[in-house]
Amino acid sequence: MLVTLAEMALLEDELGEWKPVSRGAGIAWLCFYGLFLLYAFLNRSGFLILDWVNLMIHEGGHFFFSWFGDTIHILGGTLGELIVPLLCAAYFFWRRETTGFAFSCFWFFENFPYIGTYMADARTSALPLVGSDESDWTILFGQWNLLLQDQKIGGAMKILGFLGMIVSVLWLANRVRLGGAVKPKPLAW
């Protein structure tokens, strides 16, 4: 479902303005994201420091989705990794928390390079696994007759992740630029 600009404007009116970010806090966040993107870009292992948190959520996703059948159980780890940051993003969106929303969006997309690394490893199964002899993506791509496409799909996921992280940072930079420092309220007489 596509949202028109008019609908977005109505939603903006209903929810109110985004909470401003001070210039100092905005610059600190942007520096953090810039350094993280550099770290992620230079990392060749496919496993970033934030992925330790994502791994716990991934394993919890398997448990939660285990009640819905075998395929969704296997896919549940990845679904968990994506749903948790999306829920956080929705919360911060409705609260109009600029930095919380930006972080949740960045976190959502930060999962994609990690997911893509495991997708690309579906045929070779060289990466370490938690609690299984076979990768989720080896099983799923095998079921869906996509095993020979593992490298392409994994690569696309990595690119999507980096693009999403960059867009999240650009959105925050724009909010910092538009909001600037927190403006003092006028004195009431």
C-alpha atoms as a PDB file:
ATOM      1  CA  MET A   1       0.000   0.000   0.000  1.00  0.00           C
ATOM      2  CA  LEU A   2       1.505   3.271  -1.116  1.00  0.00           C
ATOM      3  CA  VAL A   3       1.032   6.389   0.948  1.00  0.00           C
ATOM      4  CA  THR A   4       0.482   9.619  -0.955  1.00  0.00           C
ATOM      5  CA  LEU A   5       2.143  12.894  -0.023  1.00  0.00           C
ATOM      6  CA  ALA A   6      -1.234  14.258   1.076  1.00  0.00           C
ATOM      7  CA  GLU A   7      -1.710  11.280   3.419  1.00  0.00           C
ATOM      8  CA  MET A   8       1.790  11.795   4.789  1.00  0.00           C
ATOM      9  CA  ALA A   9       1.010  15.469   5.431  1.00  0.00           C
ATOM     10  CA  LEU A  10      -2.190  14.505   7.269  1.00  0.00           C
ATOM     11  CA  LEU A  11      -0.273  11.974   9.349  1.00  0.00           C
ATOM     12  CA  GLU A  12       2.359  14.614  10.132  1.00  0.00           C
ATOM     13  CA  ASP A  13      -0.392  16.972  11.297  1.00  0.00           C
ATOM     14  CA  GLU A  14      -1.968  14.277  13.492  1.00  0.00           C
ATOM     15  CA  LEU A  15       1.255  13.097  15.063  1.00  0.00           C
ATOM     16  CA  GLY A  16       2.929  16.467  15.335  1.00  0.00           C
ATOM     17  CA  GLU A  17       6.453  17.539  14.628  1.00  0.00           C
ATOM     18  CA  TRP A  18       9.504  15.376  15.162  1.00  0.00           C
ATOM     19  CA  LYS A  19      11.256  16.129  18.420  1.00  0.00           C
ATOM     20  CA  PRO A  20      14.244  18.338  17.697  1.00  0.00           C
ATOM     21  CA  VAL A  21      17.802  17.131  18.089  1.00  0.00           C
ATOM     22  CA  SER A  22      20.414  19.542  19.348  1.00  0.00           C
ATOM     23  CA  ARG A  23      23.183  20.217  16.889  1.00  0.00           C
ATOM     24  CA  GLY A  24      25.782  18.687  19.250  1.00  0.00           C
ATOM     25  CA  ALA A  25      23.800  15.489  19.806  1.00  0.00           C
ATOM     26  CA  GLY A  26      23.021  15.258  16.104  1.00  0.00           C
ATOM     27  CA  ILE A  27      26.672  15.601  15.142  1.00  0.00           C
ATOM     28  CA  ALA A  28      27.664  12.996  17.755  1.00  0.00           C
ATOM     29  CA  TRP A  29      25.095  10.537  16.389  1.00  0.00           C
ATOM     30  CA  LEU A  30      26.146  11.207  12.805  1.00  0.00           C
ATOM     31  CA  CYS A  31      29.807  10.625  13.732  1.00  0.00           C
ATOM     32  CA  PHE A  32      28.838   7.354  15.432  1.00  0.00           C
ATOM     33  CA  TYR A  33      26.940   6.184  12.350  1.00  0.00           C
ATOM     34  CA  GLY A  34      29.751   7.258  10.044  1.00  0.00           C
ATOM     35  CA  LEU A  35      32.323   5.323  12.066  1.00  0.00           C
ATOM     36  CA  PHE A  36      30.024   2.301  12.263  1.00  0.00           C
ATOM     37  CA  LEU A  37      29.484   2.359   8.495  1.00  0.00           C
ATOM     38  CA  LEU A  38      33.243   2.530   7.949  1.00  0.00           C
ATOM     39  CA  TYR A  39      33.733  -0.384  10.366  1.00  0.00           C
ATOM     40  CA  ALA A  40      30.962  -2.366   8.630  1.00  0.00           C
ATOM     41  CA  PHE A  41      32.345  -1.622   5.172  1.00  0.00           C
ATOM     42  CA  LEU A  42      35.862  -2.694   6.115  1.00  0.00           C
ATOM     43  CA  ASN A  43      34.738  -5.797   8.031  1.00  0.00           C
ATOM     44  CA  ARG A  44      35.254  -8.986   6.012  1.00  0.00           C
ATOM     45  CA  SER A  45      33.868 -11.500   8.516  1.00  0.00           C
ATOM     46  CA  GLY A  46      30.233 -10.557   7.861  1.00  0.00           C
ATOM     47  CA  PHE A  47      29.632 -10.410  11.629  1.00  0.00           C
ATOM     48  CA  LEU A  48      29.565  -6.984  13.263  1.00  0.00           C
ATOM     49  CA  ILE A  49      29.572  -6.161  16.968  1.00  0.00           C
ATOM     50  CA  LEU A  50      25.840  -5.341  16.941  1.00  0.00           C
ATOM     51  CA  ASP A  51      25.191  -8.802  15.500  1.00  0.00           C
ATOM     52  CA  TRP A  52      25.746 -10.363  18.950  1.00  0.00           C
ATOM     53  CA  VAL A  53      22.439  -8.754  19.954  1.00  0.00           C
ATOM     54  CA  ASN A  54      20.874  -9.737  16.639  1.00  0.00           C
ATOM     55  CA  LEU A  55      21.998 -13.346  17.157  1.00  0.00           C
ATOM     56  CA  MET A  56      20.117 -13.559  20.463  1.00  0.00           C
ATOM     57  CA  ILE A  57      17.010 -12.108  18.824  1.00  0.00           C
ATOM     58  CA  HIS A  58      17.479 -14.524  15.906  1.00  0.00           C
ATOM     59  CA  GLU A  59      17.496 -17.548  18.208  1.00  0.00           C
ATOM     60  CA  GLY A  60      14.474 -16.190  20.100  1.00  0.00           C
ATOM     61  CA  GLY A  61      12.685 -15.791  16.767  1.00  0.00           C
ATOM     62  CA  HIS A  62      13.139 -19.499  16.072  1.00  0.00           C
ATOM     63  CA  PHE A  63      11.487 -20.294  19.395  1.00  0.00           C
ATOM     64  CA  PHE A  64       8.613 -17.844  18.931  1.00  0.00           C
ATOM     65  CA  PHE A  65       7.829 -18.927  15.356  1.00  0.00           C
ATOM     66  CA  SER A  66       8.250 -22.656  16.100  1.00  0.00           C
ATOM     67  CA  TRP A  67       4.516 -22.870  16.765  1.00  0.00           C
ATOM     68  CA  PHE A  68       3.633 -21.963  13.179  1.00  0.00           C
ATOM     69  CA  GLY A  69       5.146 -24.861  11.211  1.00  0.00           C
ATOM     70  CA  ASP A  70       8.550 -26.004  10.011  1.00  0.00           C
ATOM     71  CA  THR A  71       9.260 -23.432   7.300  1.00  0.00           C
ATOM     72  CA  ILE A  72       8.192 -20.437   9.384  1.00  0.00           C
ATOM     73  CA  HIS A  73      10.157 -21.891  12.320  1.00  0.00           C
ATOM     74  CA  ILE A  74      13.314 -21.912  10.201  1.00  0.00           C
ATOM     75  CA  LEU A  75      12.557 -18.457   8.808  1.00  0.00           C
ATOM     76  CA  GLY A  76      11.600 -17.219  12.290  1.00  0.00           C
ATOM     77  CA  GLY A  77      15.138 -16.334  13.294  1.00  0.00           C
ATOM     78  CA  THR A  78      15.499 -13.904  10.418  1.00  0.00           C
ATOM     79  CA  LEU A  79      11.947 -12.635  10.936  1.00  0.00           C
ATOM     80  CA  GLY A  80      12.778 -11.936  14.586  1.00  0.00           C
ATOM     81  CA  GLU A  81      15.880  -9.988  13.594  1.00  0.00           C
ATOM     82  CA  LEU A  82      13.772  -7.788  11.349  1.00  0.00           C
ATOM     83  CA  ILE A  83      10.552  -7.505  13.366  1.00  0.00           C
ATOM     84  CA  VAL A  84      12.177  -6.337  16.626  1.00  0.00           C
ATOM     85  CA  PRO A  85      13.852  -3.247  15.109  1.00  0.00           C
ATOM     86  CA  LEU A  86      10.697  -2.545  13.074  1.00  0.00           C
ATOM     87  CA  LEU A  87       8.595  -2.582  16.240  1.00  0.00           C
ATOM     88  CA  CYS A  88      11.089  -0.238  17.886  1.00  0.00           C
ATOM     89  CA  ALA A  89      10.962   2.028  14.816  1.00  0.00           C
ATOM     90  CA  ALA A  90       7.149   2.066  14.925  1.00  0.00           C
ATOM     91  CA  TYR A  91       7.204   3.010  18.610  1.00  0.00           C
ATOM     92  CA  PHE A  92       9.666   5.861  18.059  1.00  0.00           C
ATOM     93  CA  PHE A  93       7.782   6.973  14.932  1.00  0.00           C
ATOM     94  CA  TRP A  94       4.536   7.385  16.862  1.00  0.00           C
ATOM     95  CA  ARG A  95       6.369   9.140  19.709  1.00  0.00           C
ATOM     96  CA  ARG A  96       8.176  11.339  17.135  1.00  0.00           C
ATOM     97  CA  GLU A  97      11.532  10.531  18.743  1.00  0.00           C
ATOM     98  CA  THR A  98      13.995  11.509  16.044  1.00  0.00           C
ATOM     99  CA  THR A  99      17.136   9.752  17.267  1.00  0.00           C
ATOM    100  CA  GLY A 100      15.274   6.624  18.436  1.00  0.00           C
ATOM    101  CA  PHE A 101      13.544   6.274  15.067  1.00  0.00           C
ATOM    102  CA  ALA A 102      16.807   6.812  13.173  1.00  0.00           C
ATOM    103  CA  PHE A 103      18.615   4.243  15.339  1.00  0.00           C
ATOM    104  CA  SER A 104      15.844   1.650  14.907  1.00  0.00           C
ATOM    105  CA  CYS A 105      15.840   2.123  11.127  1.00  0.00           C
ATOM    106  CA  PHE A 106      19.634   1.888  11.053  1.00  0.00           C
ATOM    107  CA  TRP A 107      19.460  -1.257  13.228  1.00  0.00           C
ATOM    108  CA  PHE A 108      16.827  -2.799  10.930  1.00  0.00           C
ATOM    109  CA  PHE A 109      19.054  -2.357   7.897  1.00  0.00           C
ATOM    110  CA  GLU A 110      22.204  -3.350   9.813  1.00  0.00           C
ATOM    111  CA  ASN A 111      20.721  -6.861   9.939  1.00  0.00           C
ATOM    112  CA  PHE A 112      20.751  -7.229   6.155  1.00  0.00           C
ATOM    113  CA  PRO A 113      24.533  -7.615   5.621  1.00  0.00           C
ATOM    114  CA  TYR A 114      24.592 -10.293   8.355  1.00  0.00           C
ATOM    115  CA  ILE A 115      21.585 -12.067   6.840  1.00  0.00           C
ATOM    116  CA  GLY A 116      23.130 -11.718   3.386  1.00  0.00           C
ATOM    117  CA  THR A 117      26.383 -13.273   4.587  1.00  0.00           C
ATOM    118  CA  TYR A 118      24.525 -16.376   5.758  1.00  0.00           C
ATOM    119  CA  MET A 119      22.401 -16.476   2.610  1.00  0.00           C
ATOM    120  CA  ALA A 120      25.534 -16.368   0.444  1.00  0.00           C
ATOM    121  CA  ASP A 121      26.986 -19.252   2.482  1.00  0.00           C
ATOM    122  CA  ALA A 122      24.011 -21.566   1.862  1.00  0.00           C
ATOM    123  CA  ARG A 123      25.865 -23.921  -0.502  1.00  0.00           C
ATOM    124  CA  THR A 124      29.283 -23.941   1.137  1.00  0.00           C
ATOM    125  CA  SER A 125      28.131 -23.949   4.785  1.00  0.00           C
ATOM    126  CA  ALA A 126      31.534 -22.665   5.900  1.00  0.00           C
ATOM    127  CA  LEU A 127      30.260 -20.233   8.548  1.00  0.00           C
ATOM    128  CA  PRO A 128      29.773 -21.256  12.187  1.00  0.00           C
ATOM    129  CA  LEU A 129      26.235 -22.132  13.261  1.00  0.00           C
ATOM    130  CA  VAL A 130      24.413 -22.102  16.587  1.00  0.00           C
ATOM    131  CA  GLY A 131      22.631 -25.351  17.495  1.00  0.00           C
ATOM    132  CA  SER A 132      22.336 -26.843  14.011  1.00  0.00           C
ATOM    133  CA  ASP A 133      24.331 -28.740  11.435  1.00  0.00           C
ATOM    134  CA  GLU A 134      22.638 -27.018   8.511  1.00  0.00           C
ATOM    135  CA  SER A 135      22.111 -23.307   7.890  1.00  0.00           C
ATOM    136  CA  ASP A 136      18.583 -21.902   7.861  1.00  0.00           C
ATOM    137  CA  TRP A 137      19.253 -20.582   4.376  1.00  0.00           C
ATOM    138  CA  THR A 138      20.594 -23.900   3.091  1.00  0.00           C
ATOM    139  CA  ILE A 139      17.299 -25.485   4.116  1.00  0.00           C
ATOM    140  CA  LEU A 140      15.078 -22.640   2.891  1.00  0.00           C
ATOM    141  CA  PHE A 141      16.852 -22.085  -0.420  1.00  0.00           C
ATOM    142  CA  GLY A 142      16.788 -25.857  -0.955  1.00  0.00           C
ATOM    143  CA  GLN A 143      13.014 -25.922  -0.365  1.00  0.00           C
ATOM    144  CA  TRP A 144      12.469 -22.987  -2.679  1.00  0.00           C
ATOM    145  CA  ASN A 145      14.875 -24.211  -5.413  1.00  0.00           C
ATOM    146  CA  LEU A 146      17.053 -21.118  -4.951  1.00  0.00           C
ATOM    147  CA  LEU A 147      20.223 -22.764  -3.687  1.00  0.00           C
ATOM    148  CA  LEU A 148      22.160 -21.902  -6.848  1.00  0.00           C
ATOM    149  CA  GLN A 149      21.204 -18.245  -6.361  1.00  0.00           C
ATOM    150  CA  ASP A 150      22.572 -17.982  -2.808  1.00  0.00           C
ATOM    151  CA  GLN A 151      25.479 -15.694  -3.743  1.00  0.00           C
ATOM    152  CA  LYS A 152      23.306 -13.292  -5.750  1.00  0.00           C
ATOM    153  CA  ILE A 153      20.562 -13.103  -3.139  1.00  0.00           C
ATOM    154  CA  GLY A 154      23.070 -12.703  -0.322  1.00  0.00           C
ATOM    155  CA  GLY A 155      24.909  -9.972  -2.216  1.00  0.00           C
ATOM    156  CA  ALA A 156      21.651  -8.127  -2.898  1.00  0.00           C
ATOM    157  CA  MET A 157      20.772  -8.290   0.798  1.00  0.00           C
ATOM    158  CA  LYS A 158      24.146  -6.817   1.751  1.00  0.00           C
ATOM    159  CA  ILE A 159      23.718  -3.959  -0.724  1.00  0.00           C
ATOM    160  CA  LEU A 160      20.159  -3.332   0.492  1.00  0.00           C
ATOM    161  CA  GLY A 161      21.451  -3.212   4.057  1.00  0.00           C
ATOM    162  CA  PHE A 162      24.171  -0.671   3.332  1.00  0.00           C
ATOM    163  CA  LEU A 163      21.822   1.496   1.274  1.00  0.00           C
ATOM    164  CA  GLY A 164      19.215   1.403   4.048  1.00  0.00           C
ATOM    165  CA  MET A 165      21.775   2.321   6.700  1.00  0.00           C
ATOM    166  CA  ILE A 166      22.991   5.230   4.576  1.00  0.00           C
ATOM    167  CA  VAL A 167      19.422   6.473   3.975  1.00  0.00           C
ATOM    168  CA  SER A 168      18.749   6.266   7.734  1.00  0.00           C
ATOM    169  CA  VAL A 169      21.817   8.406   8.414  1.00  0.00           C
ATOM    170  CA  LEU A 170      20.845  10.887   5.687  1.00  0.00           C
ATOM    171  CA  TRP A 171      17.339  11.161   7.152  1.00  0.00           C
ATOM    172  CA  LEU A 172      18.811  11.926  10.572  1.00  0.00           C
ATOM    173  CA  ALA A 173      21.240  14.446   9.060  1.00  0.00           C
ATOM    174  CA  ASN A 174      18.310  16.177   7.384  1.00  0.00           C
ATOM    175  CA  ARG A 175      16.344  16.251  10.647  1.00  0.00           C
ATOM    176  CA  VAL A 176      19.367  17.739  12.441  1.00  0.00           C
ATOM    177  CA  ARG A 177      19.749  20.310   9.659  1.00  0.00           C
ATOM    178  CA  LEU A 178      16.050  21.210   9.754  1.00  0.00           C
ATOM    179  CA  GLY A 179      15.677  21.161  13.521  1.00  0.00           C
ATOM    180  CA  GLY A 180      18.991  22.590  14.483  1.00  0.00           C
ATOM    181  CA  ALA A 181      19.406  23.263  18.159  1.00  0.00           C
ATOM    182  CA  VAL A 182      16.447  23.016  20.477  1.00  0.00           C
ATOM    183  CA  LYS A 183      14.719  26.385  20.242  1.00  0.00           C
ATOM    184  CA  PRO A 184      13.816  28.099  23.496  1.00  0.00           C
ATOM    185  CA  LYS A 185      10.132  28.633  24.148  1.00  0.00           C
ATOM    186  CA  PRO A 186       8.986  32.246  24.235  1.00  0.00           C
ATOM    187  CA  LEU A 187       8.399  33.694  27.661  1.00  0.00           C
ATOM    188  CA  ALA A 188       4.756  33.927  28.667  1.00  0.00           C
ATOM    189  CA  TRP A 189       3.762  37.170  30.376  1.00  0.00           C
END
